[in-house]
Amino acid sequence: MDITKTTYFLCLEYRDSSVRVTVSEKNNPVVPVPV
């Protein structure tokens, strides 16, 4: 799994809705790195 692509996806989700990011983190424990 590409970490860069995953991080970018999480960033978009975070900007779209914080709640969606929370759910994503529960399903996929990936720490979002601020770009």
PDB file of N, CA and C in Angstrom:
ATOM      1  N   MET A   1       0.848  -1.196   0.000  1.00  0.00           N
ATOM      2  CA  MET A   1       0.000   0.000   0.000  1.00  0.00           C
ATOM      3  C   MET A   1       0.887   1.251   0.000  1.00  0.00           C
ATOM      4  N   ASP A   2       0.559   2.169  -0.885  1.00  0.00           N
ATOM      5  CA  ASP A   2       1.370   3.378  -0.969  1.00  0.00           C
ATOM      6  C   ASP A   2       1.008   4.339   0.158  1.00  0.00           C
ATOM      7  N   ILE A   3       1.962   4.601   1.031  1.00  0.00           N
ATOM      8  CA  ILE A   3       1.698   5.465   2.188  1.00  0.00           C
ATOM      9  C   ILE A   3       1.436   6.908   1.747  1.00  0.00           C
ATOM     10  N   THR A   4       2.147   7.345   0.718  1.00  0.00           N
ATOM     11  CA  THR A   4       1.965   8.721   0.244  1.00  0.00           C
ATOM     12  C   THR A   4       0.544   8.933  -0.238  1.00  0.00           C
ATOM     13  N   LYS A   5       0.053   7.986  -1.029  1.00  0.00           N
ATOM     14  CA  LYS A   5      -1.309   8.105  -1.559  1.00  0.00           C
ATOM     15  C   LYS A   5      -2.331   8.027  -0.427  1.00  0.00           C
ATOM     16  N   THR A   6      -2.074   7.153   0.542  1.00  0.00           N
ATOM     17  CA  THR A   6      -2.992   7.019   1.678  1.00  0.00           C
ATOM     18  C   THR A   6      -3.033   8.311   2.483  1.00  0.00           C
ATOM     19  N   THR A   7      -1.867   8.890   2.718  1.00  0.00           N
ATOM     20  CA  THR A   7      -1.799  10.136   3.484  1.00  0.00           C
ATOM     21  C   THR A   7      -2.533  11.244   2.756  1.00  0.00           C
ATOM     22  N   TYR A   8      -2.343  11.322   1.446  1.00  0.00           N
ATOM     23  CA  TYR A   8      -3.004  12.354   0.645  1.00  0.00           C
ATOM     24  C   TYR A   8      -4.510  12.175   0.721  1.00  0.00           C
ATOM     25  N   PHE A   9      -4.957  10.924   0.666  1.00  0.00           N
ATOM     26  CA  PHE A   9      -6.386  10.626   0.745  1.00  0.00           C
ATOM     27  C   PHE A   9      -6.941  11.055   2.098  1.00  0.00           C
ATOM     28  N   LEU A  10      -6.200  10.782   3.155  1.00  0.00           N
ATOM     29  CA  LEU A  10      -6.638  11.166   4.500  1.00  0.00           C
ATOM     30  C   LEU A  10      -6.712  12.686   4.618  1.00  0.00           C
ATOM     31  N   CYS A  11      -5.768  13.376   3.991  1.00  0.00           N
ATOM     32  CA  CYS A  11      -5.780  14.840   4.042  1.00  0.00           C
ATOM     33  C   CYS A  11      -7.039  15.371   3.370  1.00  0.00           C
ATOM     34  N   LEU A  12      -7.400  14.798   2.233  1.00  0.00           N
ATOM     35  CA  LEU A  12      -8.609  15.228   1.527  1.00  0.00           C
ATOM     36  C   LEU A  12      -9.837  14.932   2.366  1.00  0.00           C
ATOM     37  N   GLU A  13      -9.850  13.761   2.980  1.00  0.00           N
ATOM     38  CA  GLU A  13     -10.986  13.391   3.829  1.00  0.00           C
ATOM     39  C   GLU A  13     -11.079  14.346   5.014  1.00  0.00           C
ATOM     40  N   TYR A  14      -9.941  14.701   5.567  1.00  0.00           N
ATOM     41  CA  TYR A  14      -9.921  15.599   6.723  1.00  0.00           C
ATOM     42  C   TYR A  14     -10.485  16.971   6.352  1.00  0.00           C
ATOM     43  N   ARG A  15     -10.113  17.448   5.183  1.00  0.00           N
ATOM     44  CA  ARG A  15     -10.616  18.749   4.734  1.00  0.00           C
ATOM     45  C   ARG A  15     -12.105  18.661   4.418  1.00  0.00           C
ATOM     46  N   ASP A  16     -12.528  17.496   3.956  1.00  0.00           N
ATOM     47  CA  ASP A  16     -13.941  17.321   3.600  1.00  0.00           C
ATOM     48  C   ASP A  16     -14.788  17.174   4.853  1.00  0.00           C
ATOM     49  N   SER A  17     -14.358  16.298   5.751  1.00  0.00           N
ATOM     50  CA  SER A  17     -15.122  16.089   6.981  1.00  0.00           C
ATOM     51  C   SER A  17     -14.263  15.377   8.018  1.00  0.00           C
ATOM     52  N   SER A  18     -14.159  15.960   9.188  1.00  0.00           N
ATOM     53  CA  SER A  18     -13.327  15.392  10.247  1.00  0.00           C
ATOM     54  C   SER A  18     -13.864  14.046  10.714  1.00  0.00           C
ATOM     55  N   VAL A  19     -15.181  13.904  10.688  1.00  0.00           N
ATOM     56  CA  VAL A  19     -15.799  12.663  11.147  1.00  0.00           C
ATOM     57  C   VAL A  19     -15.391  11.500  10.248  1.00  0.00           C
ATOM     58  N   ARG A  20     -15.324  11.743   8.941  1.00  0.00           N
ATOM     59  CA  ARG A  20     -14.969  10.677   8.009  1.00  0.00           C
ATOM     60  C   ARG A  20     -13.543  10.208   8.253  1.00  0.00           C
ATOM     61  N   VAL A  21     -12.678  11.140   8.614  1.00  0.00           N
ATOM     62  CA  VAL A  21     -11.288  10.783   8.906  1.00  0.00           C
ATOM     63  C   VAL A  21     -11.222   9.890  10.133  1.00  0.00           C
ATOM     64  N   THR A  22     -12.027  10.230  11.130  1.00  0.00           N
ATOM     65  CA  THR A  22     -12.045   9.442  12.359  1.00  0.00           C
ATOM     66  C   THR A  22     -12.438   8.003  12.059  1.00  0.00           C
ATOM     67  N   VAL A  23     -13.435   7.817  11.228  1.00  0.00           N
ATOM     68  CA  VAL A  23     -13.884   6.475  10.860  1.00  0.00           C
ATOM     69  C   VAL A  23     -12.791   5.762  10.080  1.00  0.00           C
ATOM     70  N   SER A  24     -12.130   6.498   9.176  1.00  0.00           N
ATOM     71  CA  SER A  24     -11.070   5.907   8.367  1.00  0.00           C
ATOM     72  C   SER A  24      -9.919   5.446   9.248  1.00  0.00           C
ATOM     73  N   GLU A  25      -9.588   6.236  10.251  1.00  0.00           N
ATOM     74  CA  GLU A  25      -8.487   5.877  11.140  1.00  0.00           C
ATOM     75  C   GLU A  25      -8.809   4.612  11.919  1.00  0.00           C
ATOM     76  N   LYS A  26     -10.074   4.445  12.284  1.00  0.00           N
ATOM     77  CA  LYS A  26     -10.467   3.242  13.024  1.00  0.00           C
ATOM     78  C   LYS A  26     -10.318   2.011  12.134  1.00  0.00           C
ATOM     79  N   ASN A  27     -10.699   2.154  10.865  1.00  0.00           N
ATOM     80  CA  ASN A  27     -10.589   1.035   9.929  1.00  0.00           C
ATOM     81  C   ASN A  27      -9.131   0.818   9.529  1.00  0.00           C
ATOM     82  N   ASN A  28      -8.425   1.917   9.255  1.00  0.00           N
ATOM     83  CA  ASN A  28      -7.022   1.833   8.862  1.00  0.00           C
ATOM     84  C   ASN A  28      -6.182   2.738   9.759  1.00  0.00           C
ATOM     85  N   PRO A  29      -5.529   2.141  10.763  1.00  0.00           N
ATOM     86  CA  PRO A  29      -4.718   2.930  11.694  1.00  0.00           C
ATOM     87  C   PRO A  29      -3.505   3.562  11.016  1.00  0.00           C
ATOM     88  N   VAL A  30      -3.731   4.702  10.368  1.00  0.00           N
ATOM     89  CA  VAL A  30      -2.630   5.392   9.697  1.00  0.00           C
ATOM     90  C   VAL A  30      -2.568   6.816  10.214  1.00  0.00           C
ATOM     91  N   VAL A  31      -1.389   7.222  10.660  1.00  0.00           N
ATOM     92  CA  VAL A  31      -1.249   8.568  11.214  1.00  0.00           C
ATOM     93  C   VAL A  31      -1.146   9.588  10.083  1.00  0.00           C
ATOM     94  N   PRO A  32      -2.104  10.501   9.993  1.00  0.00           N
ATOM     95  CA  PRO A  32      -2.077  11.523   8.942  1.00  0.00           C
ATOM     96  C   PRO A  32      -0.936  12.513   9.151  1.00  0.00           C
ATOM     97  N   VAL A  33      -0.087  12.638   8.149  1.00  0.00           N
ATOM     98  CA  VAL A  33       1.057  13.541   8.264  1.00  0.00           C
ATOM     99  C   VAL A  33       0.727  14.869   7.593  1.00  0.00           C
ATOM    100  N   PRO A  34       0.834  15.965   8.330  1.00  0.00           N
ATOM    101  CA  PRO A  34       0.526  17.293   7.759  1.00  0.00           C
ATOM    102  C   PRO A  34       1.483  17.642   6.635  1.00  0.00           C
ATOM    103  N   VAL A  35       0.940  18.008   5.489  1.00  0.00           N
ATOM    104  CA  VAL A  35       1.792  18.321   4.333  1.00  0.00           C
ATOM    105  C   VAL A  35       2.015  19.825   4.257  1.00  0.00           C
TER     106      VAL A  35
END
